[in-house]
PDB file of N, CA and C in Angstrom:
ATOM      1  N   SER A   1       3.824   1.181   3.693  1.00  0.00           N
ATOM      2  CA  SER A   1       5.794   0.625   3.196  1.00  0.00           C
ATOM      3  C   SER A   1       5.240   1.351   2.073  1.00  0.00           C
ATOM      4  N   ILE A   2       6.638   0.851   1.232  1.00  0.00           N
ATOM      5  CA  ILE A   2       6.449   0.947  -0.241  1.00  0.00           C
ATOM      6  C   ILE A   2       6.400  -0.314  -0.953  1.00  0.00           C
ATOM      7  N   PRO A   3       5.464  -0.161  -2.241  1.00  0.00           N
ATOM      8  CA  PRO A   3       4.987  -1.226  -3.099  1.00  0.00           C
ATOM      9  C   PRO A   3       6.307  -1.515  -3.875  1.00  0.00           C
ATOM     10  N   GLY A   4       6.124  -2.925  -3.671  1.00  0.00           N
ATOM     11  CA  GLY A   4       7.669  -3.528  -4.596  1.00  0.00           C
ATOM     12  C   GLY A   4       9.004  -3.725  -3.850  1.00  0.00           C
ATOM     13  N   GLU A   5       8.955  -3.189  -2.341  1.00  0.00           N
ATOM     14  CA  GLU A   5      10.403  -3.216  -1.836  1.00  0.00           C
ATOM     15  C   GLU A   5      10.003  -3.577  -0.302  1.00  0.00           C
ATOM     16  N   ALA A   6      11.193  -5.171   0.061  1.00  0.00           N
ATOM     17  CA  ALA A   6      10.645  -5.560   1.103  1.00  0.00           C
ATOM     18  C   ALA A   6      11.608  -5.273   1.838  1.00  0.00           C
ATOM     19  N   ASN A   7      12.337  -4.262   2.089  1.00  0.00           N
ATOM     20  CA  ASN A   7      12.653  -3.969   3.226  1.00  0.00           C
ATOM     21  C   ASN A   7      12.286  -3.008   4.064  1.00  0.00           C
ATOM     22  N   THR A   8      10.837  -2.100   4.079  1.00  0.00           N
ATOM     23  CA  THR A   8      10.486  -0.781   4.584  1.00  0.00           C
ATOM     24  C   THR A   8       9.734  -1.706   5.891  1.00  0.00           C
ATOM     25  N   LEU A   9       9.593   0.113   6.575  1.00  0.00           N
ATOM     26  CA  LEU A   9       8.110  -0.593   7.936  1.00  0.00           C
ATOM     27  C   LEU A   9       6.637  -0.139   7.393  1.00  0.00           C
ATOM     28  N   ALA A  10       6.067  -0.908   7.686  1.00  0.00           N
ATOM     29  CA  ALA A  10       4.483  -0.921   7.684  1.00  0.00           C
ATOM     30  C   ALA A  10       3.828   0.447   7.902  1.00  0.00           C
ATOM     31  N   ALA A  11       2.892   0.662   7.442  1.00  0.00           N
ATOM     32  CA  ALA A  11       2.633   2.028   8.071  1.00  0.00           C
ATOM     33  C   ALA A  11       2.373   1.981   9.898  1.00  0.00           C
ATOM     34  N   ASP A  12       1.660   1.041  10.095  1.00  0.00           N
ATOM     35  CA  ASP A  12       1.699   1.132  12.069  1.00  0.00           C
ATOM     36  C   ASP A  12       2.762   0.988  12.393  1.00  0.00           C
ATOM     37  N   GLN A  13       3.889   0.446  11.839  1.00  0.00           N
ATOM     38  CA  GLN A  13       5.437   0.656  12.901  1.00  0.00           C
ATOM     39  C   GLN A  13       5.968   2.104  12.477  1.00  0.00           C
ATOM     40  N   THR A  14       5.580   2.738  11.519  1.00  0.00           N
ATOM     41  CA  THR A  14       6.381   3.896  11.295  1.00  0.00           C
ATOM     42  C   THR A  14       4.913   5.006  11.737  1.00  0.00           C
ATOM     43  N   ALA A  15       3.701   5.478  12.153  1.00  0.00           N
ATOM     44  CA  ALA A  15       3.468   5.916  13.066  1.00  0.00           C
ATOM     45  C   ALA A  15       3.729   5.426  14.737  1.00  0.00           C
ATOM     46  N   ALA A  16       3.777   4.441  14.661  1.00  0.00           N
ATOM     47  CA  ALA A  16       4.270   4.363  16.607  1.00  0.00           C
ATOM     48  C   ALA A  16       5.504   5.073  16.424  1.00  0.00           C
ATOM     49  N   ALA A  17       6.552   4.365  15.994  1.00  0.00           N
ATOM     50  CA  ALA A  17       7.580   5.267  15.935  1.00  0.00           C
ATOM     51  C   ALA A  17       7.801   6.846  16.231  1.00  0.00           C
ATOM     52  N   ALA A  18       7.046   7.167  15.559  1.00  0.00           N
ATOM     53  CA  ALA A  18       6.322   8.633  15.088  1.00  0.00           C
ATOM     54  C   ALA A  18       6.002   8.781  17.131  1.00  0.00           C
ATOM     55  N   HIS A  19       4.741   8.465  17.195  1.00  0.00           N
ATOM     56  CA  HIS A  19       4.080   8.542  18.526  1.00  0.00           C
ATOM     57  C   HIS A  19       4.875   8.788  19.495  1.00  0.00           C
ATOM     58  N   ALA A  20       5.733   7.749  19.409  1.00  0.00           N
ATOM     59  CA  ALA A  20       6.926   7.427  20.696  1.00  0.00           C
ATOM     60  C   ALA A  20       7.894   8.817  21.034  1.00  0.00           C
ATOM     61  N   VAL A  21       7.724   9.229  19.610  1.00  0.00           N
ATOM     62  CA  VAL A  21       8.816  10.781  20.063  1.00  0.00           C
ATOM     63  C   VAL A  21       8.229  11.740  20.452  1.00  0.00           C
ATOM     64  N   GLY A  22       6.118  11.787  20.574  1.00  0.00           N
ATOM     65  CA  GLY A  22       5.612  13.086  20.464  1.00  0.00           C
ATOM     66  C   GLY A  22       5.267  13.540  19.328  1.00  0.00           C
ATOM     67  N   MET A  23       5.151  12.987  18.324  1.00  0.00           N
ATOM     68  CA  MET A  23       4.492  13.494  17.236  1.00  0.00           C
ATOM     69  C   MET A  23       3.355  12.914  16.525  1.00  0.00           C
ATOM     70  N   THR A  24       2.793  13.705  16.194  1.00  0.00           N
ATOM     71  CA  THR A  24       1.263  13.205  15.753  1.00  0.00           C
ATOM     72  C   THR A  24       1.417  12.294  14.126  1.00  0.00           C
ATOM     73  N   ALA A  25       0.848  11.349  14.149  1.00  0.00           N
ATOM     74  CA  ALA A  25       0.702  10.464  12.928  1.00  0.00           C
ATOM     75  C   ALA A  25      -0.256  10.027  12.796  1.00  0.00           C
ATOM     76  N   ALA A  26      -0.961   9.889  11.387  1.00  0.00           N
ATOM     77  CA  ALA A  26      -1.721   8.457  11.241  1.00  0.00           C
ATOM     78  C   ALA A  26      -1.555   7.825  10.002  1.00  0.00           C
ATOM     79  N   THR A  27      -2.227   6.334   9.655  1.00  0.00           N
ATOM     80  CA  THR A  27      -1.509   5.774   8.789  1.00  0.00           C
ATOM     81  C   THR A  27      -3.243   5.842   7.759  1.00  0.00           C
ATOM     82  N   ALA A  28      -2.632   5.341   6.733  1.00  0.00           N
ATOM     83  CA  ALA A  28      -3.379   5.430   5.397  1.00  0.00           C
ATOM     84  C   ALA A  28      -3.299   4.353   4.370  1.00  0.00           C
ATOM     85  N   GLN A  29      -4.368   3.996   3.162  1.00  0.00           N
ATOM     86  CA  GLN A  29      -3.867   2.646   2.424  1.00  0.00           C
ATOM     87  C   GLN A  29      -2.995   3.067   1.267  1.00  0.00           C
ATOM     88  N   SER A  30      -2.656   4.676   1.088  1.00  0.00           N
ATOM     89  CA  SER A  30      -1.782   4.884  -0.105  1.00  0.00           C
ATOM     90  C   SER A  30      -1.724   6.346   0.342  1.00  0.00           C
ATOM     91  N   VAL A  31      -0.390   6.443  -0.178  1.00  0.00           N
ATOM     92  CA  VAL A  31      -0.038   8.151  -0.351  1.00  0.00           C
ATOM     93  C   VAL A  31      -1.039   9.366  -0.882  1.00  0.00           C
ATOM     94  N   ARG A  32      -1.778   8.649  -2.239  1.00  0.00           N
ATOM     95  CA  ARG A  32      -3.202   9.210  -2.579  1.00  0.00           C
ATOM     96  C   ARG A  32      -3.841   9.247  -0.956  1.00  0.00           C
ATOM     97  N   ALA A  33      -4.403   8.346  -0.705  1.00  0.00           N
ATOM     98  CA  ALA A  33      -5.626   8.608   0.352  1.00  0.00           C
ATOM     99  C   ALA A  33      -5.291   9.613   1.166  1.00  0.00           C
ATOM    100  N   ALA A  34      -3.856   9.279   2.137  1.00  0.00           N
ATOM    101  CA  ALA A  34      -3.185  10.346   2.766  1.00  0.00           C
ATOM    102  C   ALA A  34      -3.563  11.478   2.410  1.00  0.00           C
ATOM    103  N   LEU A  35      -2.799  11.827   0.964  1.00  0.00           N
ATOM    104  CA  LEU A  35      -3.465  13.306   0.693  1.00  0.00           C
ATOM    105  C   LEU A  35      -4.505  14.067   0.634  1.00  0.00           C
ATOM    106  N   THR A  36      -5.788  12.727   0.233  1.00  0.00           N
ATOM    107  CA  THR A  36      -6.477  13.075   0.101  1.00  0.00           C
ATOM    108  C   THR A  36      -7.799  13.281   1.295  1.00  0.00           C
ATOM    109  N   ALA A  37      -6.848  13.141   2.235  1.00  0.00           N
ATOM    110  CA  ALA A  37      -6.972  12.926   3.770  1.00  0.00           C
ATOM    111  C   ALA A  37      -6.853  14.276   4.609  1.00  0.00           C
ATOM    112  N   ILE A  38      -5.557  14.795   4.340  1.00  0.00           N
ATOM    113  CA  ILE A  38      -5.139  15.671   4.455  1.00  0.00           C
ATOM    114  C   ILE A  38      -5.815  16.989   4.299  1.00  0.00           C
ATOM    115  N   ALA A  39      -5.515  17.221   2.560  1.00  0.00           N
ATOM    116  CA  ALA A  39      -6.610  17.927   1.563  1.00  0.00           C
ATOM    117  C   ALA A  39      -7.860  18.600   2.428  1.00  0.00           C
ATOM    118  N   GLY A  40      -8.726  17.298   3.060  1.00  0.00           N
ATOM    119  CA  GLY A  40     -10.173  17.664   3.318  1.00  0.00           C
ATOM    120  C   GLY A  40     -10.148  18.346   4.715  1.00  0.00           C
ATOM    121  N   ARG A  41      -8.873  17.962   4.988  1.00  0.00           N
ATOM    122  CA  ARG A  41      -8.418  18.736   7.193  1.00  0.00           C
ATOM    123  C   ARG A  41      -8.146  20.300   6.512  1.00  0.00           C
ATOM    124  N   ASP A  42      -7.385  20.482   5.342  1.00  0.00           N
ATOM    125  CA  ASP A  42      -7.047  21.734   5.043  1.00  0.00           C
ATOM    126  C   ASP A  42      -6.343  21.812   3.938  1.00  0.00           C
ATOM    127  N   PRO A  43      -7.216  22.213   2.918  1.00  0.00           N
ATOM    128  CA  PRO A  43      -6.849  22.803   1.701  1.00  0.00           C
ATOM    129  C   PRO A  43      -5.637  22.880   0.764  1.00  0.00           C
ATOM    130  N   HIS A  44      -4.963  24.087   2.161  1.00  0.00           N
ATOM    131  CA  HIS A  44      -3.876  24.511   1.995  1.00  0.00           C
ATOM    132  C   HIS A  44      -2.735  24.134   2.544  1.00  0.00           C
ATOM    133  N   ALA A  45      -2.570  22.820   3.152  1.00  0.00           N
ATOM    134  CA  ALA A  45      -1.781  22.638   3.706  1.00  0.00           C
ATOM    135  C   ALA A  45      -0.423  21.996   2.940  1.00  0.00           C
ATOM    136  N   ARG A  46       0.599  22.157   4.064  1.00  0.00           N
ATOM    137  CA  ARG A  46       2.009  21.898   3.185  1.00  0.00           C
ATOM    138  C   ARG A  46       2.381  20.399   3.999  1.00  0.00           C
ATOM    139  N   VAL A  47       2.757  19.801   2.755  1.00  0.00           N
ATOM    140  CA  VAL A  47       3.207  18.448   2.845  1.00  0.00           C
ATOM    141  C   VAL A  47       4.775  18.218   2.861  1.00  0.00           C
ATOM    142  N   LEU A  48       5.075  17.230   3.324  1.00  0.00           N
ATOM    143  CA  LEU A  48       6.493  16.952   3.661  1.00  0.00           C
ATOM    144  C   LEU A  48       6.735  15.695   3.679  1.00  0.00           C
ATOM    145  N   ILE A  49       7.474  15.362   2.956  1.00  0.00           N
ATOM    146  CA  ILE A  49       7.078  12.946   2.206  1.00  0.00           C
ATOM    147  C   ILE A  49       8.654  12.875   2.489  1.00  0.00           C
ATOM    148  N   CYS A  50       9.041  12.328   3.734  1.00  0.00           N
ATOM    149  CA  CYS A  50      10.527  12.247   4.048  1.00  0.00           C
ATOM    150  C   CYS A  50      10.802  10.771   3.740  1.00  0.00           C
ATOM    151  N   GLY A  51      11.802   9.859   3.573  1.00  0.00           N
ATOM    152  CA  GLY A  51      12.078   8.907   3.160  1.00  0.00           C
ATOM    153  C   GLY A  51      13.326   9.008   2.144  1.00  0.00           C
ATOM    154  N   SER A  52      13.376   7.345   2.314  1.00  0.00           N
ATOM    155  CA  SER A  52      14.202   7.142   0.735  1.00  0.00           C
ATOM    156  C   SER A  52      13.987   7.841  -0.837  1.00  0.00           C
ATOM    157  N   LEU A  53      15.198   7.498  -1.040  1.00  0.00           N
ATOM    158  CA  LEU A  53      14.262   7.478  -3.204  1.00  0.00           C
ATOM    159  C   LEU A  53      13.664   6.680  -3.610  1.00  0.00           C
ATOM    160  N   TYR A  54      13.211   5.485  -2.817  1.00  0.00           N
ATOM    161  CA  TYR A  54      12.893   4.514  -3.521  1.00  0.00           C
ATOM    162  C   TYR A  54      11.130   4.938  -2.999  1.00  0.00           C
ATOM    163  N   LEU A  55      10.870   5.608  -1.295  1.00  0.00           N
ATOM    164  CA  LEU A  55       9.486   6.467  -1.684  1.00  0.00           C
ATOM    165  C   LEU A  55       9.290   7.033  -2.391  1.00  0.00           C
ATOM    166  N   ALA A  56      10.662   8.040  -2.521  1.00  0.00           N
ATOM    167  CA  ALA A  56      10.143   9.849  -3.733  1.00  0.00           C
ATOM    168  C   ALA A  56      10.123   9.158  -4.761  1.00  0.00           C
ATOM    169  N   GLY A  57      10.352   7.854  -5.237  1.00  0.00           N
ATOM    170  CA  GLY A  57       9.943   7.272  -6.955  1.00  0.00           C
ATOM    171  C   GLY A  57       8.818   6.641  -6.510  1.00  0.00           C
ATOM    172  N   SER A  58       8.098   6.304  -5.913  1.00  0.00           N
ATOM    173  CA  SER A  58       7.270   5.479  -5.787  1.00  0.00           C
ATOM    174  C   SER A  58       5.830   6.750  -5.674  1.00  0.00           C
ATOM    175  N   VAL A  59       6.100   8.152  -4.735  1.00  0.00           N
ATOM    176  CA  VAL A  59       4.825   9.150  -4.589  1.00  0.00           C
ATOM    177  C   VAL A  59       4.857   9.544  -6.296  1.00  0.00           C
ATOM    178  N   LEU A  60       6.494   9.930  -6.717  1.00  0.00           N
ATOM    179  CA  LEU A  60       6.517  10.897  -8.110  1.00  0.00           C
ATOM    180  C   LEU A  60       6.125   9.693  -9.457  1.00  0.00           C
ATOM    181  N   ARG A  61       6.300   8.688  -8.833  1.00  0.00           N
ATOM    182  CA  ARG A  61       5.222   7.717 -10.631  1.00  0.00           C
ATOM    183  C   ARG A  61       3.873   8.085 -10.408  1.00  0.00           C
ATOM    184  N   GLU A  62       3.280   7.931  -9.404  1.00  0.00           N
ATOM    185  CA  GLU A  62       2.136   8.031  -8.341  1.00  0.00           C
ATOM    186  C   GLU A  62       0.886   9.775  -9.016  1.00  0.00           C
ATOM    187  N   ASN A  63       1.784  10.487  -9.155  1.00  0.00           N
ATOM    188  CA  ASN A  63       1.467  11.940  -9.694  1.00  0.00           C
ATOM    189  C   ASN A  63       2.173  12.594 -10.364  1.00  0.00           C
TER     190      ASN A  63
END
């Protein structure tokens, strides 16, 4: 979910939607936690963050 936004899906709902169409997905407590987990598996991984401008703003504020 996007902090401070009421009209958002919970992480488990988003992951379930991804699984329903054959994608691999995992949840994390925050964007930072997700990026840390990804970097732990592959330090050279590329990450694409898709979603609304609200999500992009939230991610950019943290980084």
